[in-house]
């Protein structure tokens, strides 16, 4: 898991960019909270991304905008090896009209 402060540090150099290209090709996914924190760097509003369902409970995975967040255009590159958290990130940014997804069909493998 990458701490939120590190994610903020990763995106800080792009605050004045005209656009951001995020390459998730070959990315098999990662930690759910890291994905949510990264989404928060690009989200303009709070939204429920998905439902986390286990044997004992079901809860929303909620994305909240982090301040400051990036408002420039976002382009997300994916391929057939993009899975899990990277796949969910790309699809959520696409659904919420925050990013344009470019590439092949992803593996659609979520845990």
PDB file of N, CA and C in Angstrom:
ATOM      1  N   UNK A   1       0.844  -1.179   0.000  1.00  0.00           N
ATOM      2  CA  UNK A   1       0.000   0.000   0.000  1.00  0.00           C
ATOM      3  C   UNK A   1       0.885   1.237   0.000  1.00  0.00           C
ATOM      4  N   UNK A   2       0.544   2.185  -0.859  1.00  0.00           N
ATOM      5  CA  UNK A   2       1.268   3.449  -0.947  1.00  0.00           C
ATOM      6  C   UNK A   2       0.524   4.479  -0.102  1.00  0.00           C
ATOM      7  N   UNK A   3       1.201   5.118   0.855  1.00  0.00           N
ATOM      8  CA  UNK A   3       0.527   6.119   1.686  1.00  0.00           C
ATOM      9  C   UNK A   3      -0.009   7.282   0.838  1.00  0.00           C
ATOM     10  N   UNK A   4      -1.176   7.848   1.224  1.00  0.00           N
ATOM     11  CA  UNK A   4      -1.770   8.947   0.452  1.00  0.00           C
ATOM     12  C   UNK A   4      -0.818  10.116   0.231  1.00  0.00           C
ATOM     13  N   UNK A   5       0.044  10.404   1.177  1.00  0.00           N
ATOM     14  CA  UNK A   5       0.983  11.517   1.030  1.00  0.00           C
ATOM     15  C   UNK A   5       1.947  11.260  -0.127  1.00  0.00           C
ATOM     16  N   UNK A   6       2.326   9.994  -0.336  1.00  0.00           N
ATOM     17  CA  UNK A   6       3.212   9.659  -1.454  1.00  0.00           C
ATOM     18  C   UNK A   6       2.482   9.795  -2.786  1.00  0.00           C
ATOM     19  N   UNK A   7       1.219   9.414  -2.831  1.00  0.00           N
ATOM     20  CA  UNK A   7       0.446   9.562  -4.065  1.00  0.00           C
ATOM     21  C   UNK A   7       0.310  11.040  -4.405  1.00  0.00           C
ATOM     22  N   UNK A   8       0.038  11.848  -3.398  1.00  0.00           N
ATOM     23  CA  UNK A   8      -0.049  13.291  -3.601  1.00  0.00           C
ATOM     24  C   UNK A   8       1.277  13.821  -4.137  1.00  0.00           C
ATOM     25  N   UNK A   9       2.379  13.309  -3.605  1.00  0.00           N
ATOM     26  CA  UNK A   9       3.706  13.722  -4.069  1.00  0.00           C
ATOM     27  C   UNK A   9       3.967  13.300  -5.506  1.00  0.00           C
ATOM     28  N   UNK A  10       3.423  12.150  -5.916  1.00  0.00           N
ATOM     29  CA  UNK A  10       3.597  11.682  -7.286  1.00  0.00           C
ATOM     30  C   UNK A  10       2.857  12.559  -8.281  1.00  0.00           C
ATOM     31  N   UNK A  11       1.685  13.046  -7.905  1.00  0.00           N
ATOM     32  CA  UNK A  11       0.870  13.833  -8.840  1.00  0.00           C
ATOM     33  C   UNK A  11       1.154  15.328  -8.761  1.00  0.00           C
ATOM     34  N   UNK A  12       1.813  15.775  -7.720  1.00  0.00           N
ATOM     35  CA  UNK A  12       2.087  17.204  -7.537  1.00  0.00           C
ATOM     36  C   UNK A  12       2.816  17.842  -8.728  1.00  0.00           C
ATOM     37  N   UNK A  13       3.826  17.185  -9.312  1.00  0.00           N
ATOM     38  CA  UNK A  13       4.517  17.798 -10.453  1.00  0.00           C
ATOM     39  C   UNK A  13       3.613  18.042 -11.671  1.00  0.00           C
ATOM     40  N   UNK A  14       2.447  17.402 -11.692  1.00  0.00           N
ATOM     41  CA  UNK A  14       1.554  17.528 -12.847  1.00  0.00           C
ATOM     42  C   UNK A  14       0.463  18.569 -12.657  1.00  0.00           C
ATOM     43  N   UNK A  15       0.502  19.325 -11.556  1.00  0.00           N
ATOM     44  CA  UNK A  15      -0.600  20.237 -11.233  1.00  0.00           C
ATOM     45  C   UNK A  15      -0.832  21.304 -12.296  1.00  0.00           C
ATOM     46  N   UNK A  16       0.192  21.699 -13.023  1.00  0.00           N
ATOM     47  CA  UNK A  16       0.029  22.716 -14.061  1.00  0.00           C
ATOM     48  C   UNK A  16       0.085  22.125 -15.471  1.00  0.00           C
ATOM     49  N   UNK A  17      -0.026  20.810 -15.576  1.00  0.00           N
ATOM     50  CA  UNK A  17       0.050  20.149 -16.881  1.00  0.00           C
ATOM     51  C   UNK A  17      -1.193  20.421 -17.723  1.00  0.00           C
ATOM     52  N   UNK A  18      -0.997  20.377 -19.017  1.00  0.00           N
ATOM     53  CA  UNK A  18      -2.125  20.531 -19.937  1.00  0.00           C
ATOM     54  C   UNK A  18      -2.905  19.230 -20.058  1.00  0.00           C
ATOM     55  N   UNK A  19      -2.244  18.089 -19.785  1.00  0.00           N
ATOM     56  CA  UNK A  19      -2.891  16.771 -19.818  1.00  0.00           C
ATOM     57  C   UNK A  19      -1.987  15.779 -19.087  1.00  0.00           C
ATOM     58  N   UNK A  20      -2.592  14.669 -18.642  1.00  0.00           N
ATOM     59  CA  UNK A  20      -1.847  13.590 -17.994  1.00  0.00           C
ATOM     60  C   UNK A  20      -2.170  12.289 -18.719  1.00  0.00           C
ATOM     61  N   UNK A  21      -1.125  11.517 -19.038  1.00  0.00           N
ATOM     62  CA  UNK A  21      -1.288  10.190 -19.618  1.00  0.00           C
ATOM     63  C   UNK A  21      -0.831   9.198 -18.557  1.00  0.00           C
ATOM     64  N   UNK A  22      -1.754   8.350 -18.134  1.00  0.00           N
ATOM     65  CA  UNK A  22      -1.467   7.344 -17.118  1.00  0.00           C
ATOM     66  C   UNK A  22      -1.398   5.986 -17.806  1.00  0.00           C
ATOM     67  N   UNK A  23      -0.228   5.366 -17.805  1.00  0.00           N
ATOM     68  CA  UNK A  23      -0.020   4.105 -18.506  1.00  0.00           C
ATOM     69  C   UNK A  23      -0.230   2.931 -17.550  1.00  0.00           C
ATOM     70  N   UNK A  24      -1.370   2.257 -17.700  1.00  0.00           N
ATOM     71  CA  UNK A  24      -1.693   1.092 -16.871  1.00  0.00           C
ATOM     72  C   UNK A  24      -1.553  -0.210 -17.648  1.00  0.00           C
ATOM     73  N   UNK A  25      -0.889  -0.157 -18.803  1.00  0.00           N
ATOM     74  CA  UNK A  25      -0.667  -1.378 -19.587  1.00  0.00           C
ATOM     75  C   UNK A  25       0.218  -2.320 -18.798  1.00  0.00           C
ATOM     76  N   UNK A  26      -0.182  -3.577 -18.725  1.00  0.00           N
ATOM     77  CA  UNK A  26       0.581  -4.581 -18.009  1.00  0.00           C
ATOM     78  C   UNK A  26       0.461  -4.489 -16.495  1.00  0.00           C
ATOM     79  N   UNK A  27      -0.389  -3.596 -16.011  1.00  0.00           N
ATOM     80  CA  UNK A  27      -0.552  -3.423 -14.567  1.00  0.00           C
ATOM     81  C   UNK A  27      -1.614  -4.395 -14.078  1.00  0.00           C
ATOM     82  N   UNK A  28      -1.204  -5.340 -13.275  1.00  0.00           N
ATOM     83  CA  UNK A  28      -2.107  -6.369 -12.772  1.00  0.00           C
ATOM     84  C   UNK A  28      -2.956  -5.925 -11.593  1.00  0.00           C
ATOM     85  N   UNK A  29      -2.817  -4.676 -11.172  1.00  0.00           N
ATOM     86  CA  UNK A  29      -3.633  -4.174 -10.072  1.00  0.00           C
ATOM     87  C   UNK A  29      -2.807  -3.887  -8.847  1.00  0.00           C
ATOM     88  N   UNK A  30      -3.477  -3.831  -7.721  1.00  0.00           N
ATOM     89  CA  UNK A  30      -2.777  -3.509  -6.484  1.00  0.00           C
ATOM     90  C   UNK A  30      -3.757  -3.313  -5.350  1.00  0.00           C
ATOM     91  N   UNK A  31      -3.333  -2.568  -4.372  1.00  0.00           N
ATOM     92  CA  UNK A  31      -4.102  -2.329  -3.167  1.00  0.00           C
ATOM     93  C   UNK A  31      -5.327  -1.445  -3.444  1.00  0.00           C
ATOM     94  N   UNK A  32      -6.467  -1.820  -2.911  1.00  0.00           N
ATOM     95  CA  UNK A  32      -7.714  -1.074  -3.121  1.00  0.00           C
ATOM     96  C   UNK A  32      -7.604   0.364  -2.611  1.00  0.00           C
ATOM     97  N   UNK A  33      -7.049   0.553  -1.424  1.00  0.00           N
ATOM     98  CA  UNK A  33      -6.974   1.910  -0.870  1.00  0.00           C
ATOM     99  C   UNK A  33      -6.040   2.801  -1.686  1.00  0.00           C
ATOM    100  N   UNK A  34      -4.977   2.236  -2.229  1.00  0.00           N
ATOM    101  CA  UNK A  34      -4.074   3.001  -3.094  1.00  0.00           C
ATOM    102  C   UNK A  34      -4.823   3.455  -4.335  1.00  0.00           C
ATOM    103  N   UNK A  35      -5.644   2.566  -4.914  1.00  0.00           N
ATOM    104  CA  UNK A  35      -6.434   2.913  -6.085  1.00  0.00           C
ATOM    105  C   UNK A  35      -7.396   4.052  -5.756  1.00  0.00           C
ATOM    106  N   UNK A  36      -8.080   3.961  -4.615  1.00  0.00           N
ATOM    107  CA  UNK A  36      -9.046   4.992  -4.215  1.00  0.00           C
ATOM    108  C   UNK A  36      -8.332   6.328  -3.992  1.00  0.00           C
ATOM    109  N   UNK A  37      -7.164   6.300  -3.361  1.00  0.00           N
ATOM    110  CA  UNK A  37      -6.399   7.521  -3.134  1.00  0.00           C
ATOM    111  C   UNK A  37      -5.932   8.140  -4.445  1.00  0.00           C
ATOM    112  N   UNK A  38      -5.495   7.307  -5.399  1.00  0.00           N
ATOM    113  CA  UNK A  38      -5.080   7.827  -6.704  1.00  0.00           C
ATOM    114  C   UNK A  38      -6.276   8.437  -7.429  1.00  0.00           C
ATOM    115  N   UNK A  39      -7.421   7.767  -7.373  1.00  0.00           N
ATOM    116  CA  UNK A  39      -8.629   8.326  -7.998  1.00  0.00           C
ATOM    117  C   UNK A  39      -8.981   9.684  -7.407  1.00  0.00           C
ATOM    118  N   UNK A  40      -8.778   9.814  -6.102  1.00  0.00           N
ATOM    119  CA  UNK A  40      -9.072  11.076  -5.434  1.00  0.00           C
ATOM    120  C   UNK A  40      -8.256  12.242  -5.965  1.00  0.00           C
ATOM    121  N   UNK A  41      -7.094  11.949  -6.553  1.00  0.00           N
ATOM    122  CA  UNK A  41      -6.264  12.998  -7.147  1.00  0.00           C
ATOM    123  C   UNK A  41      -6.871  13.543  -8.441  1.00  0.00           C
ATOM    124  N   UNK A  42      -7.767  12.771  -9.049  1.00  0.00           N
ATOM    125  CA  UNK A  42      -8.367  13.162 -10.325  1.00  0.00           C
ATOM    126  C   UNK A  42      -9.863  13.444 -10.229  1.00  0.00           C
ATOM    127  N   UNK A  43     -10.500  12.995  -9.160  1.00  0.00           N
ATOM    128  CA  UNK A  43     -11.960  13.131  -9.022  1.00  0.00           C
ATOM    129  C   UNK A  43     -12.345  14.568  -8.689  1.00  0.00           C
ATOM    130  N   UNK A  44     -13.414  15.023  -9.307  1.00  0.00           N
ATOM    131  CA  UNK A  44     -13.931  16.358  -9.020  1.00  0.00           C
ATOM    132  C   UNK A  44     -15.051  16.340  -8.003  1.00  0.00           C
ATOM    133  N   UNK A  45     -15.614  15.168  -7.765  1.00  0.00           N
ATOM    134  CA  UNK A  45     -16.717  15.028  -6.813  1.00  0.00           C
ATOM    135  C   UNK A  45     -16.667  13.643  -6.167  1.00  0.00           C
ATOM    136  N   UNK A  46     -17.329  13.511  -5.030  1.00  0.00           N
ATOM    137  CA  UNK A  46     -17.398  12.229  -4.335  1.00  0.00           C
ATOM    138  C   UNK A  46     -18.330  11.288  -5.100  1.00  0.00           C
ATOM    139  N   UNK A  47     -17.934  10.015  -5.219  1.00  0.00           N
ATOM    140  CA  UNK A  47     -18.810   9.030  -5.848  1.00  0.00           C
ATOM    141  C   UNK A  47     -18.513   7.642  -5.297  1.00  0.00           C
ATOM    142  N   UNK A  48     -19.513   6.778  -5.363  1.00  0.00           N
ATOM    143  CA  UNK A  48     -19.339   5.376  -4.987  1.00  0.00           C
ATOM    144  C   UNK A  48     -18.864   4.638  -6.227  1.00  0.00           C
ATOM    145  N   UNK A  49     -17.670   4.066  -6.139  1.00  0.00           N
ATOM    146  CA  UNK A  49     -17.058   3.410  -7.280  1.00  0.00           C
ATOM    147  C   UNK A  49     -17.579   1.993  -7.473  1.00  0.00           C
ATOM    148  N   UNK A  50     -17.773   1.277  -6.371  1.00  0.00           N
ATOM    149  CA  UNK A  50     -18.187  -0.125  -6.444  1.00  0.00           C
ATOM    150  C   UNK A  50     -18.679  -0.574  -5.073  1.00  0.00           C
ATOM    151  N   UNK A  51     -19.106  -1.811  -5.006  1.00  0.00           N
ATOM    152  CA  UNK A  51     -19.492  -2.438  -3.739  1.00  0.00           C
ATOM    153  C   UNK A  51     -18.462  -3.496  -3.402  1.00  0.00           C
ATOM    154  N   UNK A  52     -17.968  -3.472  -2.198  1.00  0.00           N
ATOM    155  CA  UNK A  52     -17.085  -4.513  -1.695  1.00  0.00           C
ATOM    156  C   UNK A  52     -17.968  -5.497  -0.920  1.00  0.00           C
ATOM    157  N   UNK A  53     -18.011  -6.730  -1.406  1.00  0.00           N
ATOM    158  CA  UNK A  53     -18.898  -7.726  -0.808  1.00  0.00           C
ATOM    159  C   UNK A  53     -18.059  -8.876  -0.266  1.00  0.00           C
ATOM    160  N   UNK A  54     -18.246  -9.156   1.010  1.00  0.00           N
ATOM    161  CA  UNK A  54     -17.572 -10.294   1.629  1.00  0.00           C
ATOM    162  C   UNK A  54     -18.637 -11.166   2.294  1.00  0.00           C
ATOM    163  N   UNK A  55     -18.220 -12.221   2.935  1.00  0.00           N
ATOM    164  CA  UNK A  55     -19.187 -13.100   3.592  1.00  0.00           C
ATOM    165  C   UNK A  55     -19.916 -12.404   4.724  1.00  0.00           C
ATOM    166  N   UNK A  56     -19.230 -11.481   5.398  1.00  0.00           N
ATOM    167  CA  UNK A  56     -19.803 -10.862   6.590  1.00  0.00           C
ATOM    168  C   UNK A  56     -20.456  -9.508   6.353  1.00  0.00           C
ATOM    169  N   UNK A  57     -20.034  -8.781   5.293  1.00  0.00           N
ATOM    170  CA  UNK A  57     -20.618  -7.464   5.088  1.00  0.00           C
ATOM    171  C   UNK A  57     -20.471  -7.004   3.644  1.00  0.00           C
ATOM    172  N   UNK A  58     -21.216  -5.983   3.330  1.00  0.00           N
ATOM    173  CA  UNK A  58     -21.165  -5.335   2.030  1.00  0.00           C
ATOM    174  C   UNK A  58     -21.050  -3.838   2.284  1.00  0.00           C
ATOM    175  N   UNK A  59     -20.092  -3.187   1.614  1.00  0.00           N
ATOM    176  CA  UNK A  59     -19.931  -1.755   1.809  1.00  0.00           C
ATOM    177  C   UNK A  59     -19.486  -1.087   0.516  1.00  0.00           C
ATOM    178  N   UNK A  60     -19.822   0.188   0.402  1.00  0.00           N
ATOM    179  CA  UNK A  60     -19.447   0.960  -0.775  1.00  0.00           C
ATOM    180  C   UNK A  60     -17.968   1.308  -0.732  1.00  0.00           C
ATOM    181  N   UNK A  61     -17.354   1.302  -1.906  1.00  0.00           N
ATOM    182  CA  UNK A  61     -16.002   1.827  -2.054  1.00  0.00           C
ATOM    183  C   UNK A  61     -16.193   3.258  -2.542  1.00  0.00           C
ATOM    184  N   UNK A  62     -15.932   4.206  -1.668  1.00  0.00           N
ATOM    185  CA  UNK A  62     -16.216   5.617  -1.932  1.00  0.00           C
ATOM    186  C   UNK A  62     -14.937   6.362  -2.273  1.00  0.00           C
ATOM    187  N   UNK A  63     -15.010   7.123  -3.368  1.00  0.00           N
ATOM    188  CA  UNK A  63     -13.897   7.964  -3.804  1.00  0.00           C
ATOM    189  C   UNK A  63     -14.231   9.400  -3.455  1.00  0.00           C
ATOM    190  N   UNK A  64     -13.300  10.059  -2.766  1.00  0.00           N
ATOM    191  CA  UNK A  64     -13.483  11.459  -2.397  1.00  0.00           C
ATOM    192  C   UNK A  64     -12.363  12.277  -3.022  1.00  0.00           C
ATOM    193  N   UNK A  65     -12.695  13.456  -3.567  1.00  0.00           N
ATOM    194  CA  UNK A  65     -11.641  14.294  -4.147  1.00  0.00           C
ATOM    195  C   UNK A  65     -10.632  14.696  -3.077  1.00  0.00           C
ATOM    196  N   UNK A  66      -9.374  14.610  -3.413  1.00  0.00           N
ATOM    197  CA  UNK A  66      -8.321  15.053  -2.521  1.00  0.00           C
ATOM    198  C   UNK A  66      -7.880  16.443  -2.964  1.00  0.00           C
ATOM    199  N   UNK A  67      -7.482  17.232  -2.040  1.00  0.00           N
ATOM    200  CA  UNK A  67      -7.126  18.605  -2.357  1.00  0.00           C
ATOM    201  C   UNK A  67      -5.620  18.760  -2.298  1.00  0.00           C
ATOM    202  N   UNK A  68      -5.023  19.409  -3.274  1.00  0.00           N
ATOM    203  CA  UNK A  68      -5.638  19.833  -4.522  1.00  0.00           C
ATOM    204  C   UNK A  68      -5.717  18.650  -5.478  1.00  0.00           C
ATOM    205  N   UNK A  69      -6.703  18.653  -6.340  1.00  0.00           N
ATOM    206  CA  UNK A  69      -6.797  17.559  -7.310  1.00  0.00           C
ATOM    207  C   UNK A  69      -6.516  18.102  -8.711  1.00  0.00           C
ATOM    208  N   UNK A  70      -6.133  17.195  -9.597  1.00  0.00           N
ATOM    209  CA  UNK A  70      -5.793  17.583 -10.961  1.00  0.00           C
ATOM    210  C   UNK A  70      -7.063  17.733 -11.789  1.00  0.00           C
ATOM    211  N   UNK A  71      -7.139  18.793 -12.549  1.00  0.00           N
ATOM    212  CA  UNK A  71      -8.327  19.045 -13.362  1.00  0.00           C
ATOM    213  C   UNK A  71      -8.047  18.958 -14.862  1.00  0.00           C
ATOM    214  N   UNK A  72      -6.791  18.752 -15.242  1.00  0.00           N
ATOM    215  CA  UNK A  72      -6.440  18.673 -16.659  1.00  0.00           C
ATOM    216  C   UNK A  72      -6.999  17.375 -17.259  1.00  0.00           C
ATOM    217  N   UNK A  73      -7.073  17.302 -18.593  1.00  0.00           N
ATOM    218  CA  UNK A  73      -7.539  16.070 -19.230  1.00  0.00           C
ATOM    219  C   UNK A  73      -6.676  14.870 -18.835  1.00  0.00           C
ATOM    220  N   UNK A  74      -7.322  13.717 -18.673  1.00  0.00           N
ATOM    221  CA  UNK A  74      -6.655  12.487 -18.273  1.00  0.00           C
ATOM    222  C   UNK A  74      -6.862  11.435 -19.350  1.00  0.00           C
ATOM    223  N   UNK A  75      -5.767  10.829 -19.796  1.00  0.00           N
ATOM    224  CA  UNK A  75      -5.801   9.751 -20.778  1.00  0.00           C
ATOM    225  C   UNK A  75      -5.192   8.523 -20.117  1.00  0.00           C
ATOM    226  N   UNK A  76      -5.909   7.393 -20.165  1.00  0.00           N
ATOM    227  CA  UNK A  76      -5.492   6.182 -19.472  1.00  0.00           C
ATOM    228  C   UNK A  76      -5.248   5.085 -20.505  1.00  0.00           C
ATOM    229  N   UNK A  77      -4.020   4.572 -20.540  1.00  0.00           N
ATOM    230  CA  UNK A  77      -3.667   3.508 -21.470  1.00  0.00           C
ATOM    231  C   UNK A  77      -3.842   2.159 -20.778  1.00  0.00           C
ATOM    232  N   UNK A  78      -4.550   1.229 -21.442  1.00  0.00           N
ATOM    233  CA  UNK A  78      -4.782  -0.108 -20.896  1.00  0.00           C
ATOM    234  C   UNK A  78      -4.523  -1.160 -21.966  1.00  0.00           C
ATOM    235  N   UNK A  79      -4.354  -2.401 -21.511  1.00  0.00           N
ATOM    236  CA  UNK A  79      -4.222  -3.528 -22.436  1.00  0.00           C
ATOM    237  C   UNK A  79      -4.825  -4.770 -21.801  1.00  0.00           C
ATOM    238  N   UNK A  80      -4.654  -5.908 -22.431  1.00  0.00           N
ATOM    239  CA  UNK A  80      -5.271  -7.133 -21.933  1.00  0.00           C
ATOM    240  C   UNK A  80      -4.675  -7.598 -20.604  1.00  0.00           C
ATOM    241  N   UNK A  81      -3.536  -7.052 -20.206  1.00  0.00           N
ATOM    242  CA  UNK A  81      -2.931  -7.402 -18.926  1.00  0.00           C
ATOM    243  C   UNK A  81      -3.311  -6.427 -17.813  1.00  0.00           C
ATOM    244  N   UNK A  82      -4.085  -5.390 -18.132  1.00  0.00           N
ATOM    245  CA  UNK A  82      -4.570  -4.456 -17.105  1.00  0.00           C
ATOM    246  C   UNK A  82      -5.697  -5.157 -16.363  1.00  0.00           C
ATOM    247  N   UNK A  83      -5.550  -5.301 -15.041  1.00  0.00           N
ATOM    248  CA  UNK A  83      -6.538  -6.074 -14.277  1.00  0.00           C
ATOM    249  C   UNK A  83      -6.765  -5.444 -12.913  1.00  0.00           C
ATOM    250  N   UNK A  84      -7.761  -5.955 -12.242  1.00  0.00           N
ATOM    251  CA  UNK A  84      -8.052  -5.623 -10.865  1.00  0.00           C
ATOM    252  C   UNK A  84      -8.151  -4.116 -10.651  1.00  0.00           C
ATOM    253  N   UNK A  85      -7.329  -3.564  -9.761  1.00  0.00           N
ATOM    254  CA  UNK A  85      -7.430  -2.145  -9.413  1.00  0.00           C
ATOM    255  C   UNK A  85      -7.167  -1.230 -10.607  1.00  0.00           C
ATOM    256  N   UNK A  86      -6.247  -1.598 -11.489  1.00  0.00           N
ATOM    257  CA  UNK A  86      -5.980  -0.731 -12.645  1.00  0.00           C
ATOM    258  C   UNK A  86      -7.171  -0.720 -13.601  1.00  0.00           C
ATOM    259  N   UNK A  87      -7.813  -1.853 -13.768  1.00  0.00           N
ATOM    260  CA  UNK A  87      -9.002  -1.970 -14.605  1.00  0.00           C
ATOM    261  C   UNK A  87     -10.155  -1.158 -13.999  1.00  0.00           C
ATOM    262  N   UNK A  88     -10.336  -1.284 -12.698  1.00  0.00           N
ATOM    263  CA  UNK A  88     -11.402  -0.548 -12.012  1.00  0.00           C
ATOM    264  C   UNK A  88     -11.155   0.961 -12.063  1.00  0.00           C
ATOM    265  N   UNK A  89      -9.895   1.371 -11.910  1.00  0.00           N
ATOM    266  CA  UNK A  89      -9.547   2.789 -11.993  1.00  0.00           C
ATOM    267  C   UNK A  89      -9.939   3.345 -13.359  1.00  0.00           C
ATOM    268  N   UNK A  90      -9.493   2.665 -14.416  1.00  0.00           N
ATOM    269  CA  UNK A  90      -9.764   3.132 -15.778  1.00  0.00           C
ATOM    270  C   UNK A  90     -11.265   3.216 -16.044  1.00  0.00           C
ATOM    271  N   UNK A  91     -11.980   2.184 -15.693  1.00  0.00           N
ATOM    272  CA  UNK A  91     -13.427   2.164 -15.962  1.00  0.00           C
ATOM    273  C   UNK A  91     -14.163   3.237 -15.160  1.00  0.00           C
ATOM    274  N   UNK A  92     -13.789   3.429 -13.917  1.00  0.00           N
ATOM    275  CA  UNK A  92     -14.452   4.454 -13.096  1.00  0.00           C
ATOM    276  C   UNK A  92     -14.196   5.853 -13.632  1.00  0.00           C
ATOM    277  N   UNK A  93     -12.962   6.118 -14.049  1.00  0.00           N
ATOM    278  CA  UNK A  93     -12.661   7.439 -14.610  1.00  0.00           C
ATOM    279  C   UNK A  93     -13.429   7.654 -15.916  1.00  0.00           C
ATOM    280  N   UNK A  94     -13.622   6.582 -16.670  1.00  0.00           N
ATOM    281  CA  UNK A  94     -14.390   6.659 -17.916  1.00  0.00           C
ATOM    282  C   UNK A  94     -15.874   6.903 -17.627  1.00  0.00           C
ATOM    283  N   UNK A  95     -16.445   6.144 -16.711  1.00  0.00           N
ATOM    284  CA  UNK A  95     -17.866   6.284 -16.368  1.00  0.00           C
ATOM    285  C   UNK A  95     -18.182   7.686 -15.859  1.00  0.00           C
ATOM    286  N   UNK A  96     -17.275   8.233 -15.055  1.00  0.00           N
ATOM    287  CA  UNK A  96     -17.512   9.550 -14.460  1.00  0.00           C
ATOM    288  C   UNK A  96     -17.000  10.682 -15.341  1.00  0.00           C
ATOM    289  N   UNK A  97     -16.715  10.340 -16.596  1.00  0.00           N
ATOM    290  CA  UNK A  97     -16.299  11.307 -17.605  1.00  0.00           C
ATOM    291  C   UNK A  97     -15.110  12.144 -17.151  1.00  0.00           C
ATOM    292  N   UNK A  98     -14.206  11.489 -16.434  1.00  0.00           N
ATOM    293  CA  UNK A  98     -13.013  12.173 -15.948  1.00  0.00           C
ATOM    294  C   UNK A  98     -11.782  11.804 -16.761  1.00  0.00           C
ATOM    295  N   UNK A  99     -11.845  10.683 -17.484  1.00  0.00           N
ATOM    296  CA  UNK A  99     -10.701  10.262 -18.275  1.00  0.00           C
ATOM    297  C   UNK A  99     -11.121   9.531 -19.527  1.00  0.00           C
ATOM    298  N   UNK A 100     -10.240   9.535 -20.519  1.00  0.00           N
ATOM    299  CA  UNK A 100     -10.445   8.811 -21.769  1.00  0.00           C
ATOM    300  C   UNK A 100      -9.568   7.562 -21.717  1.00  0.00           C
ATOM    301  N   UNK A 101     -10.175   6.403 -21.908  1.00  0.00           N
ATOM    302  CA  UNK A 101      -9.449   5.134 -21.862  1.00  0.00           C
ATOM    303  C   UNK A 101      -9.077   4.742 -23.289  1.00  0.00           C
ATOM    304  N   UNK A 102      -7.798   4.412 -23.478  1.00  0.00           N
ATOM    305  CA  UNK A 102      -7.279   4.086 -24.802  1.00  0.00           C
ATOM    306  C   UNK A 102      -6.564   2.736 -24.726  1.00  0.00           C
ATOM    307  N   UNK A 103      -6.827   1.857 -25.692  1.00  0.00           N
ATOM    308  CA  UNK A 103      -6.106   0.590 -25.756  1.00  0.00           C
ATOM    309  C   UNK A 103      -6.996  -0.592 -26.000  1.00  0.00           C
ATOM    310  N   UNK A 104      -6.474  -1.760 -25.628  1.00  0.00           N
ATOM    311  CA  UNK A 104      -7.176  -3.023 -25.814  1.00  0.00           C
ATOM    312  C   UNK A 104      -8.203  -3.238 -24.709  1.00  0.00           C
ATOM    313  N   UNK A 105      -8.999  -4.264 -24.881  1.00  0.00           N
ATOM    314  CA  UNK A 105      -9.926  -4.697 -23.833  1.00  0.00           C
ATOM    315  C   UNK A 105      -9.096  -5.215 -22.658  1.00  0.00           C
ATOM    316  N   UNK A 106      -9.482  -4.799 -21.443  1.00  0.00           N
ATOM    317  CA  UNK A 106      -8.755  -5.252 -20.262  1.00  0.00           C
ATOM    318  C   UNK A 106      -9.155  -6.680 -19.902  1.00  0.00           C
ATOM    319  N   UNK A 107      -8.469  -7.253 -18.934  1.00  0.00           N
ATOM    320  CA  UNK A 107      -8.762  -8.631 -18.550  1.00  0.00           C
ATOM    321  C   UNK A 107     -10.043  -8.747 -17.742  1.00  0.00           C
ATOM    322  N   UNK A 108     -10.536  -7.635 -17.201  1.00  0.00           N
ATOM    323  CA  UNK A 108     -11.766  -7.612 -16.390  1.00  0.00           C
ATOM    324  C   UNK A 108     -11.682  -8.596 -15.222  1.00  0.00           C
ATOM    325  N   UNK A 109     -10.511  -8.698 -14.631  1.00  0.00           N
ATOM    326  CA  UNK A 109     -10.311  -9.614 -13.499  1.00  0.00           C
ATOM    327  C   UNK A 109     -10.221  -8.813 -12.216  1.00  0.00           C
ATOM    328  N   UNK A 110     -11.306  -8.814 -11.463  1.00  0.00           N
ATOM    329  CA  UNK A 110     -11.328  -8.149 -10.163  1.00  0.00           C
ATOM    330  C   UNK A 110     -11.512  -9.196  -9.085  1.00  0.00           C
ATOM    331  N   UNK A 111     -10.941  -8.924  -7.934  1.00  0.00           N
ATOM    332  CA  UNK A 111     -11.094  -9.822  -6.794  1.00  0.00           C
ATOM    333  C   UNK A 111     -12.250  -9.344  -5.947  1.00  0.00           C
TER     334      UNK A 111
END
